[in-house]
C-alpha atoms as a PDB file:
ATOM      1  CA  MET A   1      -5.920 -12.029 -15.274  1.00  0.00           C
ATOM      2  CA  TRP A   2      -4.120 -10.361 -12.351  1.00  0.00           C
ATOM      3  CA  LEU A   3      -2.125 -13.514 -11.632  1.00  0.00           C
ATOM      4  CA  ARG A   4      -0.991 -13.838 -15.242  1.00  0.00           C
ATOM      5  CA  LYS A   5       0.237 -10.254 -15.336  1.00  0.00           C
ATOM      6  CA  ASP A   6       2.101 -10.648 -12.053  1.00  0.00           C
ATOM      7  CA  VAL A   7       3.506 -14.138 -12.526  1.00  0.00           C
ATOM      8  CA  LEU A   8       7.111 -12.942 -13.078  1.00  0.00           C
ATOM      9  CA  ALA A   9       6.915 -10.506 -10.197  1.00  0.00           C
ATOM     10  CA  LEU A  10       5.495 -13.195  -7.914  1.00  0.00           C
ATOM     11  CA  ALA A  11       8.291 -15.535  -8.988  1.00  0.00           C
ATOM     12  CA  VAL A  12      10.785 -12.911  -7.797  1.00  0.00           C
ATOM     13  CA  VAL A  13       8.844 -12.477  -4.539  1.00  0.00           C
ATOM     14  CA  LEU A  14       8.864 -16.224  -3.880  1.00  0.00           C
ATOM     15  CA  SER A  15      12.572 -16.370  -4.695  1.00  0.00           C
ATOM     16  CA  CYS A  16      13.223 -13.673  -2.083  1.00  0.00           C
ATOM     17  CA  ALA A  17      11.117 -15.659   0.388  1.00  0.00           C
ATOM     18  CA  LEU A  18      13.108 -18.812  -0.327  1.00  0.00           C
ATOM     19  CA  LEU A  19      16.392 -16.956   0.096  1.00  0.00           C
ATOM     20  CA  SER A  20      15.315 -15.504   3.457  1.00  0.00           C
ATOM     21  CA  ALA A  21      13.953 -18.815   4.733  1.00  0.00           C
ATOM     22  CA  GLN A  22      17.016 -20.781   3.628  1.00  0.00           C
ATOM     23  CA  LEU A  23      19.447 -18.362   5.234  1.00  0.00           C
ATOM     24  CA  SER A  24      17.350 -18.247   8.368  1.00  0.00           C
ATOM     25  CA  PHE A  25      17.491 -21.941   9.109  1.00  0.00           C
ATOM     26  CA  ARG A  26      20.745 -22.878   7.349  1.00  0.00           C
ATOM     27  CA  LEU A  27      22.724 -20.452   9.504  1.00  0.00           C
ATOM     28  CA  ARG A  28      21.016 -21.742  12.653  1.00  0.00           C
ATOM     29  CA  GLN A  29      21.120 -25.497  12.133  1.00  0.00           C
ATOM     30  CA  ASP A  30      22.953 -26.087  15.395  1.00  0.00           C
ATOM     31  CA  THR A  31      20.011 -24.744  17.408  1.00  0.00           C
ATOM     32  CA  PHE A  32      17.227 -26.178  15.253  1.00  0.00           C
ATOM     33  CA  GLN A  33      16.084 -28.965  17.560  1.00  0.00           C
ATOM     34  CA  ASP A  34      15.954 -26.696  20.588  1.00  0.00           C
ATOM     35  CA  THR A  35      14.014 -24.083  18.611  1.00  0.00           C
ATOM     36  CA  PHE A  36      11.551 -26.697  17.347  1.00  0.00           C
ATOM     37  CA  SER A  37      10.915 -28.018  20.851  1.00  0.00           C
ATOM     38  CA  THR A  38      10.708 -24.538  22.342  1.00  0.00           C
ATOM     39  CA  ASP A  39       7.990 -23.522  19.883  1.00  0.00           C
ATOM     40  CA  LEU A  40       5.835 -26.509  20.814  1.00  0.00           C
ATOM     41  CA  GLU A  41       6.408 -25.926  24.527  1.00  0.00           C
ATOM     42  CA  ILE A  42       4.866 -22.460  24.206  1.00  0.00           C
ATOM     43  CA  LEU A  43       1.507 -24.142  23.561  1.00  0.00           C
ATOM     44  CA  GLN A  44       1.951 -26.044  26.830  1.00  0.00           C
ATOM     45  CA  GLY A  45       2.517 -22.845  28.792  1.00  0.00           C
ATOM     46  CA  HIS A  46       6.285 -23.251  29.101  1.00  0.00           C
ATOM     47  CA  ALA A  47       7.778 -20.444  27.034  1.00  0.00           C
ATOM     48  CA  ARG A  48      11.565 -20.269  27.169  1.00  0.00           C
ATOM     49  CA  LEU A  49      11.193 -16.598  28.062  1.00  0.00           C
ATOM     50  CA  PRO A  50       7.973 -15.565  29.839  1.00  0.00           C
ATOM     51  CA  GLU A  51       7.476 -12.613  27.486  1.00  0.00           C
ATOM     52  CA  PHE A  52       7.193 -15.075  24.569  1.00  0.00           C
ATOM     53  CA  GLN A  53       4.125 -16.810  26.015  1.00  0.00           C
ATOM     54  CA  ASN A  54       1.723 -14.840  23.817  1.00  0.00           C
ATOM     55  CA  ARG A  55       3.518 -15.922  20.610  1.00  0.00           C
ATOM     56  CA  ILE A  56       1.275 -18.869  19.866  1.00  0.00           C
ATOM     57  CA  LEU A  57       0.455 -18.323  16.183  1.00  0.00           C
ATOM     58  CA  SER A  58       3.478 -19.987  14.599  1.00  0.00           C
ATOM     59  CA  PRO A  59       3.679 -22.758  17.242  1.00  0.00           C
ATOM     60  CA  ALA A  60       0.005 -23.570  16.581  1.00  0.00           C
ATOM     61  CA  LEU A  61       0.694 -23.874  12.850  1.00  0.00           C
ATOM     62  CA  LEU A  62       3.721 -26.042  13.621  1.00  0.00           C
ATOM     63  CA  TRP A  63       1.604 -28.315  15.821  1.00  0.00           C
ATOM     64  CA  VAL A  64      -1.040 -28.662  13.081  1.00  0.00           C
ATOM     65  CA  ALA A  65       1.600 -29.385  10.434  1.00  0.00           C
ATOM     66  CA  ARG A  66       3.252 -31.989  12.621  1.00  0.00           C
ATOM     67  CA  LYS A  67      -0.074 -33.721  13.266  1.00  0.00           C
ATOM     68  CA  ALA A  68      -1.053 -33.628   9.594  1.00  0.00           C
ATOM     69  CA  ALA A  69       2.268 -34.911   8.238  1.00  0.00           C
ATOM     70  CA  PRO A  70       2.983 -38.664   8.121  1.00  0.00           C
ATOM     71  CA  SER A  71       5.127 -39.940  10.976  1.00  0.00           C
ATOM     72  CA  SER A  72       7.898 -40.751   8.497  1.00  0.00           C
ATOM     73  CA  VAL A  73       8.411 -37.062   7.711  1.00  0.00           C
ATOM     74  CA  PRO A  74      11.237 -35.712   9.906  1.00  0.00           C
ATOM     75  CA  ASP A  75      10.812 -32.611  12.041  1.00  0.00           C
ATOM     76  CA  THR A  76      13.458 -30.822   9.998  1.00  0.00           C
ATOM     77  CA  THR A  77      11.422 -31.148   6.817  1.00  0.00           C
ATOM     78  CA  ILE A  78       8.240 -29.940   8.509  1.00  0.00           C
ATOM     79  CA  TRP A  79      10.065 -26.952   9.925  1.00  0.00           C
ATOM     80  CA  HIS A  80      11.725 -26.017   6.622  1.00  0.00           C
ATOM     81  CA  VAL A  81       8.539 -26.300   4.573  1.00  0.00           C
ATOM     82  CA  LEU A  82       6.484 -24.361   7.104  1.00  0.00           C
ATOM     83  CA  ARG A  83       9.070 -21.617   7.397  1.00  0.00           C
ATOM     84  CA  PHE A  84       9.204 -21.204   3.626  1.00  0.00           C
ATOM     85  CA  LEU A  85       5.414 -21.044   3.411  1.00  0.00           C
ATOM     86  CA  GLU A  86       5.361 -18.404   6.160  1.00  0.00           C
ATOM     87  CA  ALA A  87       8.007 -16.384   4.329  1.00  0.00           C
ATOM     88  CA  ALA A  88       6.169 -16.764   1.024  1.00  0.00           C
ATOM     89  CA  LEU A  89       2.902 -15.582   2.572  1.00  0.00           C
ATOM     90  CA  ALA A  90       4.582 -12.638   4.313  1.00  0.00           C
ATOM     91  CA  TYR A  91       6.426 -11.443   1.212  1.00  0.00           C
ATOM     92  CA  THR A  92       3.376 -11.919  -1.013  1.00  0.00           C
ATOM     93  CA  VAL A  93       1.243  -9.812   1.334  1.00  0.00           C
ATOM     94  CA  LEU A  94       4.015  -7.196   1.490  1.00  0.00           C
ATOM     95  CA  TYR A  95       4.158  -7.131  -2.313  1.00  0.00           C
ATOM     96  CA  GLY A  96       0.370  -6.938  -2.593  1.00  0.00           C
ATOM     97  CA  VAL A  97       0.087  -4.014  -0.164  1.00  0.00           C
ATOM     98  CA  ALA A  98       2.888  -2.118  -1.908  1.00  0.00           C
ATOM     99  CA  LEU A  99       1.335  -2.815  -5.311  1.00  0.00           C
ATOM    100  CA  TRP A 100      -2.031  -1.514  -4.117  1.00  0.00           C
ATOM    101  CA  ALA A 101      -0.447   1.585  -2.587  1.00  0.00           C
ATOM    102  CA  THR A 102       1.724   2.455  -5.603  1.00  0.00           C
ATOM    103  CA  SER A 103       0.077   0.813  -8.643  1.00  0.00           C
ATOM    104  CA  SER A 104       3.607  -0.135  -9.653  1.00  0.00           C
ATOM    105  CA  ARG A 105       5.095  -3.614  -9.812  1.00  0.00           C
ATOM    106  CA  LEU A 106       8.592  -2.153  -9.885  1.00  0.00           C
ATOM    107  CA  ARG A 107       8.102  -0.209  -6.662  1.00  0.00           C
ATOM    108  CA  ALA A 108       6.346  -3.151  -5.019  1.00  0.00           C
ATOM    109  CA  LEU A 109       9.308  -5.373  -5.878  1.00  0.00           C
ATOM    110  CA  PHE A 110      11.635  -2.665  -4.564  1.00  0.00           C
ATOM    111  CA  VAL A 111       9.884  -2.909  -1.180  1.00  0.00           C
ATOM    112  CA  VAL A 112      10.266  -6.700  -1.151  1.00  0.00           C
ATOM    113  CA  GLY A 113      13.919  -6.336  -2.106  1.00  0.00           C
ATOM    114  CA  LEU A 114      14.596  -3.881   0.707  1.00  0.00           C
ATOM    115  CA  VAL A 115      12.893  -6.069   3.309  1.00  0.00           C
ATOM    116  CA  THR A 116      14.757  -9.126   2.032  1.00  0.00           C
ATOM    117  CA  TYR A 117      18.026  -7.223   2.366  1.00  0.00           C
ATOM    118  CA  VAL A 118      17.107  -6.414   5.972  1.00  0.00           C
ATOM    119  CA  TYR A 119      16.058  -9.937   6.814  1.00  0.00           C
ATOM    120  CA  ILE A 120      19.186 -11.673   5.536  1.00  0.00           C
ATOM    121  CA  TRP A 121      21.231  -9.798   8.148  1.00  0.00           C
ATOM    122  CA  THR A 122      19.152 -11.104  11.032  1.00  0.00           C
ATOM    123  CA  PRO A 123      20.444 -14.722  11.170  1.00  0.00           C
ATOM    124  CA  MET A 124      23.972 -13.405  11.603  1.00  0.00           C
ATOM    125  CA  SER A 125      23.118 -11.396  14.717  1.00  0.00           C
ATOM    126  CA  HIS A 126      21.296 -14.071  16.716  1.00  0.00           C
ATOM    127  CA  GLN A 127      21.733 -17.841  16.962  1.00  0.00           C
ATOM    128  CA  TRP A 128      18.068 -18.689  17.572  1.00  0.00           C
ATOM    129  CA  GLU A 129      15.412 -18.719  14.876  1.00  0.00           C
ATOM    130  CA  HIS A 130      12.197 -17.005  15.945  1.00  0.00           C
ATOM    131  CA  SER A 131       9.176 -18.243  14.040  1.00  0.00           C
ATOM    132  CA  SER A 132       7.347 -14.944  14.631  1.00  0.00           C
ATOM    133  CA  ASP A 133       9.668 -12.939  12.383  1.00  0.00           C
ATOM    134  CA  PHE A 134       8.099 -13.568   8.966  1.00  0.00           C
ATOM    135  CA  PHE A 135       4.614 -12.933  10.323  1.00  0.00           C
ATOM    136  CA  ASP A 136       5.992  -9.728  11.829  1.00  0.00           C
ATOM    137  CA  VAL A 137       6.652  -8.527   8.274  1.00  0.00           C
ATOM    138  CA  LEU A 138       3.208  -9.693   7.161  1.00  0.00           C
ATOM    139  CA  PHE A 139       1.242  -7.940   9.889  1.00  0.00           C
ATOM    140  CA  VAL A 140       3.129  -4.646   9.721  1.00  0.00           C
ATOM    141  CA  ALA A 141       2.504  -4.574   5.963  1.00  0.00           C
ATOM    142  CA  LEU A 142      -1.185  -5.210   6.636  1.00  0.00           C
ATOM    143  CA  PHE A 143      -1.263  -2.463   9.260  1.00  0.00           C
ATOM    144  CA  VAL A 144       0.137   0.007   6.745  1.00  0.00           C
ATOM    145  CA  GLY A 145      -2.268  -0.963   3.977  1.00  0.00           C
ATOM    146  CA  LEU A 146      -5.352  -0.920   6.188  1.00  0.00           C
ATOM    147  CA  ALA A 147      -4.350   2.354   7.852  1.00  0.00           C
ATOM    148  CA  LEU A 148      -3.788   4.005   4.468  1.00  0.00           C
ATOM    149  CA  ALA A 149      -7.228   2.764   3.389  1.00  0.00           C
ATOM    150  CA  GLU A 150      -8.699   3.795   6.778  1.00  0.00           C
ATOM    151  CA  ARG A 151     -10.282   0.360   7.228  1.00  0.00           C
ATOM    152  CA  SER A 152     -10.612   0.548  11.000  1.00  0.00           C
ATOM    153  CA  VAL A 153     -12.607  -2.664  11.580  1.00  0.00           C
ATOM    154  CA  ALA A 154     -10.357  -4.798   9.388  1.00  0.00           C
ATOM    155  CA  LEU A 155      -7.303  -3.325  11.087  1.00  0.00           C
ATOM    156  CA  GLY A 156      -8.764  -4.197  14.481  1.00  0.00           C
ATOM    157  CA  ILE A 157      -9.155  -7.828  13.380  1.00  0.00           C
ATOM    158  CA  ALA A 158      -5.559  -7.830  12.151  1.00  0.00           C
ATOM    159  CA  VAL A 159      -4.402  -6.520  15.531  1.00  0.00           C
ATOM    160  CA  VAL A 160      -6.195  -9.359  17.333  1.00  0.00           C
ATOM    161  CA  VAL A 161      -4.444 -12.001  15.227  1.00  0.00           C
ATOM    162  CA  ALA A 162      -1.093 -10.180  15.282  1.00  0.00           C
ATOM    163  CA  SER A 163      -1.206 -10.071  19.102  1.00  0.00           C
ATOM    164  CA  MET A 164      -0.889 -13.862  19.001  1.00  0.00           C
ATOM    165  CA  ASN A 165       2.333 -13.478  17.049  1.00  0.00           C
ATOM    166  CA  ARG A 166       4.368 -10.665  18.601  1.00  0.00           C
ATOM    167  CA  GLU A 167       4.142  -7.507  20.650  1.00  0.00           C
ATOM    168  CA  SER A 168       4.578  -5.379  17.524  1.00  0.00           C
ATOM    169  CA  ALA A 169       0.790  -5.690  17.148  1.00  0.00           C
ATOM    170  CA  ALA A 170       0.613  -2.530  19.277  1.00  0.00           C
ATOM    171  CA  PHE A 171       2.451  -0.641  16.517  1.00  0.00           C
ATOM    172  CA  ALA A 172      -0.833  -0.639  14.574  1.00  0.00           C
ATOM    173  CA  GLY A 173      -2.087   2.088  16.890  1.00  0.00           C
ATOM    174  CA  GLY A 174       0.930   4.280  16.234  1.00  0.00           C
ATOM    175  CA  ILE A 175       0.671   3.740  12.488  1.00  0.00           C
ATOM    176  CA  TRP A 176      -3.020   4.716  12.517  1.00  0.00           C
ATOM    177  CA  VAL A 177      -2.524   7.823  14.674  1.00  0.00           C
ATOM    178  CA  CYS A 178       0.479   9.070  12.683  1.00  0.00           C
ATOM    179  CA  ILE A 179      -1.168   8.622   9.275  1.00  0.00           C
ATOM    180  CA  ILE A 180      -4.488  10.127  10.366  1.00  0.00           C
ATOM    181  CA  GLY A 181      -2.713  12.982  12.114  1.00  0.00           C
ATOM    182  CA  MET A 182      -0.660  13.879   9.061  1.00  0.00           C
ATOM    183  CA  ARG A 183      -3.686  13.643   6.787  1.00  0.00           C
ATOM    184  CA  TYR A 184      -6.140  15.691   8.825  1.00  0.00           C
ATOM    185  CA  GLY A 185      -4.033  17.464  11.423  1.00  0.00           C
ATOM    186  CA  PHE A 186      -3.511  16.763  15.117  1.00  0.00           C
ATOM    187  CA  ARG A 187      -6.583  18.549  16.470  1.00  0.00           C
ATOM    188  CA  TRP A 188      -8.615  17.461  19.483  1.00  0.00           C
ATOM    189  CA  GLN A 189     -11.826  18.043  17.512  1.00  0.00           C
ATOM    190  CA  LEU A 190     -10.891  15.000  15.434  1.00  0.00           C
ATOM    191  CA  TRP A 191     -10.632  12.674  18.434  1.00  0.00           C
ATOM    192  CA  ARG A 192     -13.054  10.206  16.856  1.00  0.00           C
ATOM    193  CA  LYS A 193     -10.651   9.684  13.973  1.00  0.00           C
ATOM    194  CA  PHE A 194      -7.793   9.002  16.379  1.00  0.00           C
ATOM    195  CA  LEU A 195      -9.825   6.780  18.710  1.00  0.00           C
ATOM    196  CA  PRO A 196      -9.265   3.533  16.703  1.00  0.00           C
ATOM    197  CA  GLY A 197      -5.511   3.939  17.151  1.00  0.00           C
ATOM    198  CA  VAL A 198      -5.879   4.131  20.921  1.00  0.00           C
ATOM    199  CA  ILE A 199      -8.198   1.113  20.839  1.00  0.00           C
ATOM    200  CA  TYR A 200      -5.655  -0.899  18.836  1.00  0.00           C
ATOM    201  CA  ILE A 201      -2.947  -0.243  21.420  1.00  0.00           C
ATOM    202  CA  GLY A 202      -5.228  -1.195  24.308  1.00  0.00           C
ATOM    203  CA  LEU A 203      -6.509  -4.246  22.430  1.00  0.00           C
ATOM    204  CA  ALA A 204      -2.999  -5.487  21.681  1.00  0.00           C
ATOM    205  CA  ILE A 205      -1.783  -4.947  25.239  1.00  0.00           C
ATOM    206  CA  GLY A 206      -4.879  -6.663  26.631  1.00  0.00           C
ATOM    207  CA  ILE A 207      -4.599  -9.749  24.419  1.00  0.00           C
ATOM    208  CA  ILE A 208      -0.840 -10.042  24.894  1.00  0.00           C
ATOM    209  CA  GLY A 209      -1.155  -9.738  28.665  1.00  0.00           C
ATOM    210  CA  GLY A 210      -4.105 -12.118  28.761  1.00  0.00           C
ATOM    211  CA  LEU A 211      -2.245 -14.783  26.789  1.00  0.00           C
ATOM    212  CA  ARG A 212       0.867 -14.430  28.919  1.00  0.00           C
ATOM    213  CA  TYR A 213      -0.956 -14.719  32.209  1.00  0.00           C
ATOM    214  CA  GLY A 214      -3.630 -17.101  31.009  1.00  0.00           C
ATOM    215  CA  LEU A 215      -1.407 -19.662  29.282  1.00  0.00           C
ATOM    216  CA  SER A 216       1.738 -19.572  31.385  1.00  0.00           C
ATOM    217  CA  GLN A 217       1.977 -22.575  33.709  1.00  0.00           C
ATOM    218  CA  GLU A 218       4.395 -20.702  35.954  1.00  0.00           C
ATOM    219  CA  PHE A 219       2.119 -17.632  35.931  1.00  0.00           C
ATOM    220  CA  HIS A 220       4.888 -15.083  36.424  1.00  0.00           C
ATOM    221  CA  PRO A 221       5.348 -13.466  33.016  1.00  0.00           C
ATOM    222  CA  ARG A 222       7.527 -10.410  32.889  1.00  0.00           C
ATOM    223  CA  GLN A 223       8.321  -7.848  30.229  1.00  0.00           C
ATOM    224  CA  LEU A 224      11.857  -7.869  28.959  1.00  0.00           C
ATOM    225  CA  ILE A 225      13.396  -4.408  29.100  1.00  0.00           C
ATOM    226  CA  GLY A 226      16.033  -4.649  26.411  1.00  0.00           C
ATOM    227  CA  ILE A 227      17.610  -1.298  27.128  1.00  0.00           C
ATOM    228  CA  GLN A 228      18.713  -2.615  30.525  1.00  0.00           C
ATOM    229  CA  LEU A 229      20.652  -5.395  28.823  1.00  0.00           C
ATOM    230  CA  THR A 230      22.125  -2.910  26.358  1.00  0.00           C
ATOM    231  CA  VAL A 231      23.370  -0.671  29.150  1.00  0.00           C
ATOM    232  CA  GLN A 232      24.676  -3.584  31.214  1.00  0.00           C
ATOM    233  CA  ASN A 233      26.483  -5.134  28.243  1.00  0.00           C
ATOM    234  CA  TRP A 234      27.474  -1.944  26.421  1.00  0.00           C
ATOM    235  CA  ARG A 235      30.805  -3.363  25.262  1.00  0.00           C
ATOM    236  CA  TRP A 236      29.085  -5.339  22.485  1.00  0.00           C
ATOM    237  CA  LEU A 237      28.416  -1.981  20.814  1.00  0.00           C
ATOM    238  CA  LEU A 238      32.161  -1.603  20.196  1.00  0.00           C
ATOM    239  CA  LEU A 239      32.831  -4.989  18.596  1.00  0.00           C
ATOM    240  CA  PRO A 240      34.211  -4.396  15.072  1.00  0.00           C
ATOM    241  CA  PHE A 241      32.228  -7.285  13.599  1.00  0.00           C
ATOM    242  CA  GLY A 242      29.275  -7.232  15.984  1.00  0.00           C
ATOM    243  CA  ALA A 243      25.705  -6.025  15.790  1.00  0.00           C
ATOM    244  CA  THR A 244      26.520  -2.313  15.500  1.00  0.00           C
ATOM    245  CA  PRO A 245      28.307  -2.428  12.113  1.00  0.00           C
ATOM    246  CA  MET A 246      25.695  -4.909  10.852  1.00  0.00           C
ATOM    247  CA  PHE A 247      22.909  -2.546  11.892  1.00  0.00           C
ATOM    248  CA  LEU A 248      24.658   0.363  10.165  1.00  0.00           C
ATOM    249  CA  ALA A 249      25.062  -1.708   7.005  1.00  0.00           C
ATOM    250  CA  THR A 250      21.376  -2.628   7.176  1.00  0.00           C
ATOM    251  CA  ALA A 251      20.279   0.977   7.617  1.00  0.00           C
ATOM    252  CA  LEU A 252      22.572   2.453   4.950  1.00  0.00           C
ATOM    253  CA  PRO A 253      20.337   1.809   1.885  1.00  0.00           C
ATOM    254  CA  PHE A 254      17.362   3.275   3.745  1.00  0.00           C
ATOM    255  CA  ALA A 255      19.295   6.387   4.687  1.00  0.00           C
ATOM    256  CA  ILE A 256      20.334   6.890   1.059  1.00  0.00           C
ATOM    257  CA  VAL A 257      16.838   6.336  -0.334  1.00  0.00           C
ATOM    258  CA  LEU A 258      15.147   8.587   2.241  1.00  0.00           C
ATOM    259  CA  TRP A 259      17.722  11.317   1.622  1.00  0.00           C
ATOM    260  CA  ARG A 260      17.145  11.110  -2.138  1.00  0.00           C
ATOM    261  CA  LEU A 261      13.360  11.137  -2.035  1.00  0.00           C
ATOM    262  CA  PRO A 262      11.884  14.329  -3.517  1.00  0.00           C
ATOM    263  CA  ARG A 263      10.514  16.931  -1.132  1.00  0.00           C
ATOM    264  CA  PRO A 264       8.055  17.774   0.212  1.00  0.00           C
ATOM    265  CA  TRP A 265       6.910  14.378   1.417  1.00  0.00           C
ATOM    266  CA  SER A 266       3.255  13.480   1.222  1.00  0.00           C
ATOM    267  CA  ALA A 267       1.138  13.303   4.368  1.00  0.00           C
ATOM    268  CA  GLU A 268       1.246   9.494   4.164  1.00  0.00           C
ATOM    269  CA  GLN A 269       5.032   9.472   3.919  1.00  0.00           C
ATOM    270  CA  LYS A 270       5.323  11.782   6.915  1.00  0.00           C
ATOM    271  CA  GLY A 271       2.890   9.569   8.813  1.00  0.00           C
ATOM    272  CA  LEU A 272       4.905   6.430   8.127  1.00  0.00           C
ATOM    273  CA  PHE A 273       8.113   8.203   9.118  1.00  0.00           C
ATOM    274  CA  GLY A 274       6.534   9.236  12.412  1.00  0.00           C
ATOM    275  CA  ALA A 275       5.278   5.684  12.962  1.00  0.00           C
ATOM    276  CA  ALA A 276       8.761   4.316  12.258  1.00  0.00           C
ATOM    277  CA  ILE A 277      10.256   6.666  14.860  1.00  0.00           C
ATOM    278  CA  VAL A 278       7.658   5.616  17.439  1.00  0.00           C
ATOM    279  CA  ALA A 279       8.281   1.929  16.681  1.00  0.00           C
ATOM    280  CA  ALA A 280      12.057   2.454  16.886  1.00  0.00           C
ATOM    281  CA  CYS A 281      11.812   4.146  20.298  1.00  0.00           C
ATOM    282  CA  ILE A 282       9.636   1.337  21.685  1.00  0.00           C
ATOM    283  CA  THR A 283      11.937  -1.286  20.171  1.00  0.00           C
ATOM    284  CA  LEU A 284      14.987   0.369  21.694  1.00  0.00           C
ATOM    285  CA  ILE A 285      13.385   0.326  25.145  1.00  0.00           C
ATOM    286  CA  PHE A 286      11.866  -3.155  25.180  1.00  0.00           C
ATOM    287  CA  GLY A 287      13.743  -5.091  22.510  1.00  0.00           C
ATOM    288  CA  ILE A 288      17.291  -6.421  22.485  1.00  0.00           C
ATOM    289  CA  ALA A 289      18.820  -3.976  20.016  1.00  0.00           C
ATOM    290  CA  GLY A 290      21.635  -6.326  19.045  1.00  0.00           C
ATOM    291  CA  GLU A 291      19.161  -8.844  17.619  1.00  0.00           C
ATOM    292  CA  LEU A 292      18.545  -7.202  14.269  1.00  0.00           C
ATOM    293  CA  ARG A 293      15.256  -9.038  13.775  1.00  0.00           C
ATOM    294  CA  VAL A 294      13.555  -6.740  16.303  1.00  0.00           C
ATOM    295  CA  TRP A 295      13.986  -3.836  13.856  1.00  0.00           C
ATOM    296  CA  LEU A 296      12.004  -5.517  11.076  1.00  0.00           C
ATOM    297  CA  PRO A 297       8.792  -3.497  11.699  1.00  0.00           C
ATOM    298  CA  CYS A 298      10.709  -0.215  11.493  1.00  0.00           C
ATOM    299  CA  PHE A 299      12.335  -1.172   8.202  1.00  0.00           C
ATOM    300  CA  VAL A 300       9.043  -2.378   6.723  1.00  0.00           C
ATOM    301  CA  LEU A 301       7.551   1.043   7.511  1.00  0.00           C
ATOM    302  CA  LEU A 302      10.522   2.835   5.936  1.00  0.00           C
ATOM    303  CA  SER A 303      10.352   0.576   2.869  1.00  0.00           C
ATOM    304  CA  MET A 304       6.723   1.538   2.304  1.00  0.00           C
ATOM    305  CA  LEU A 305       7.538   5.210   2.895  1.00  0.00           C
ATOM    306  CA  ALA A 306      10.134   5.066   0.133  1.00  0.00           C
ATOM    307  CA  VAL A 307       7.649   4.125  -2.591  1.00  0.00           C
ATOM    308  CA  ILE A 308       4.248   5.616  -1.755  1.00  0.00           C
ATOM    309  CA  GLY A 309       4.631   8.876  -3.627  1.00  0.00           C
ATOM    310  CA  SER A 310       2.040   9.899  -6.161  1.00  0.00           C
ATOM    311  CA  LYS A 311       0.389   7.036  -8.043  1.00  0.00           C
ATOM    312  CA  LYS A 312       0.505   9.283 -11.102  1.00  0.00           C
ATOM    313  CA  GLN A 313       4.301   9.252 -10.997  1.00  0.00           C
ATOM    314  CA  SER A 314       5.716   6.850 -13.568  1.00  0.00           C
ATOM    315  CA  ASP A 315       8.299   4.252 -12.620  1.00  0.00           C
ATOM    316  CA  ARG A 316      10.892   6.180 -14.628  1.00  0.00           C
ATOM    317  CA  GLN A 317      10.111   9.377 -12.758  1.00  0.00           C
ATOM    318  CA  TRP A 318      10.276   7.562  -9.439  1.00  0.00           C
ATOM    319  CA  VAL A 319      13.617   5.891 -10.219  1.00  0.00           C
ATOM    320  CA  LEU A 320      15.105   9.187 -11.368  1.00  0.00           C
ATOM    321  CA  SER A 321      13.773  10.957  -8.279  1.00  0.00           C
ATOM    322  CA  VAL A 322      15.695   8.481  -6.133  1.00  0.00           C
ATOM    323  CA  LEU A 323      18.866   8.423  -8.225  1.00  0.00           C
ATOM    324  CA  GLU A 324      19.172  12.149  -8.863  1.00  0.00           C
ATOM    325  CA  GLU A 325      20.160  14.586  -6.137  1.00  0.00           C
ATOM    326  CA  ASN A 326      17.014  15.636  -4.232  1.00  0.00           C
ATOM    327  CA  GLY A 327      14.885  14.285  -7.041  1.00  0.00           C
ATOM    328  CA  GLU A 328      15.459  17.332  -9.291  1.00  0.00           C
ATOM    329  CA  GLU A 329      15.443  15.253 -12.447  1.00  0.00           C
ATOM    330  CA  GLY A 330      12.308  13.401 -11.347  1.00  0.00           C
ATOM    331  CA  ARG A 331      10.423  16.632 -10.698  1.00  0.00           C
ATOM    332  CA  SER A 332      11.405  18.108 -14.059  1.00  0.00           C
ATOM    333  CA  LEU A 333       9.746  15.309 -16.046  1.00  0.00           C
END
């Protein structure tokens, strides 16, 4: 019954996934073979960058797919099919979480559309395809949904799996703390409610560190400090067609939507905004800011923030609240 009602929406979601996957590997064809080999080498303890050694989830799926496929199937086909399936799964989960949070197919599709818009910029800012990116979208969406539902055990399991994909698994702790804090207040008497968030951060750091040191054949993993590279190579910030204008173009729709959202924001919206700020600060310090893919978790959080107003609000009211100045028209309905 649910599938029949959502078949058109899911068709749109899968189309967005196909668009993202196609752009991702079509714009990076020159580096495909190196990327394919690099992913498999991670499983052998030879990550191209030591800080990638914990990213074993996608390489493991690639290894399984390669073993399962007939020898006549070329690596390119395996890679393309697997990447599309990863994108399809990520966008479907994103849609499902947004649908649950809003009870609105329109707003759920709006979230998918925003994230797709963000993703299609990423291949133009970096020549290498990172197979962790689509799962990054998936896990952050799961973190948001489980934190909103206050499903602490399920969120802990998600953190364990996400730690095998990317360091953004630690963002689950920030998402939990920010949402709980905005719902109930930041009071020390509520420390038990905040404790899961601290556990998630420690769990993610522990698993990530364990995988890096346990799997690396060289056994000298380091943590990339992206802000050092940004400071050392600051001139890239001034390039007229570089990462800076692309980042501004990516952020523009979010700035407009957030500005137009009716006030006051709900506790959940404030929590997601706080979590996005925390994630952005961590990303700026440790990530390479010019690679737009590292900002995906922040934009997923902002996408969810944009739509999780009252479930009682109709789609028409929500659209008008975004289109009209400060949502005056939406509030008057």
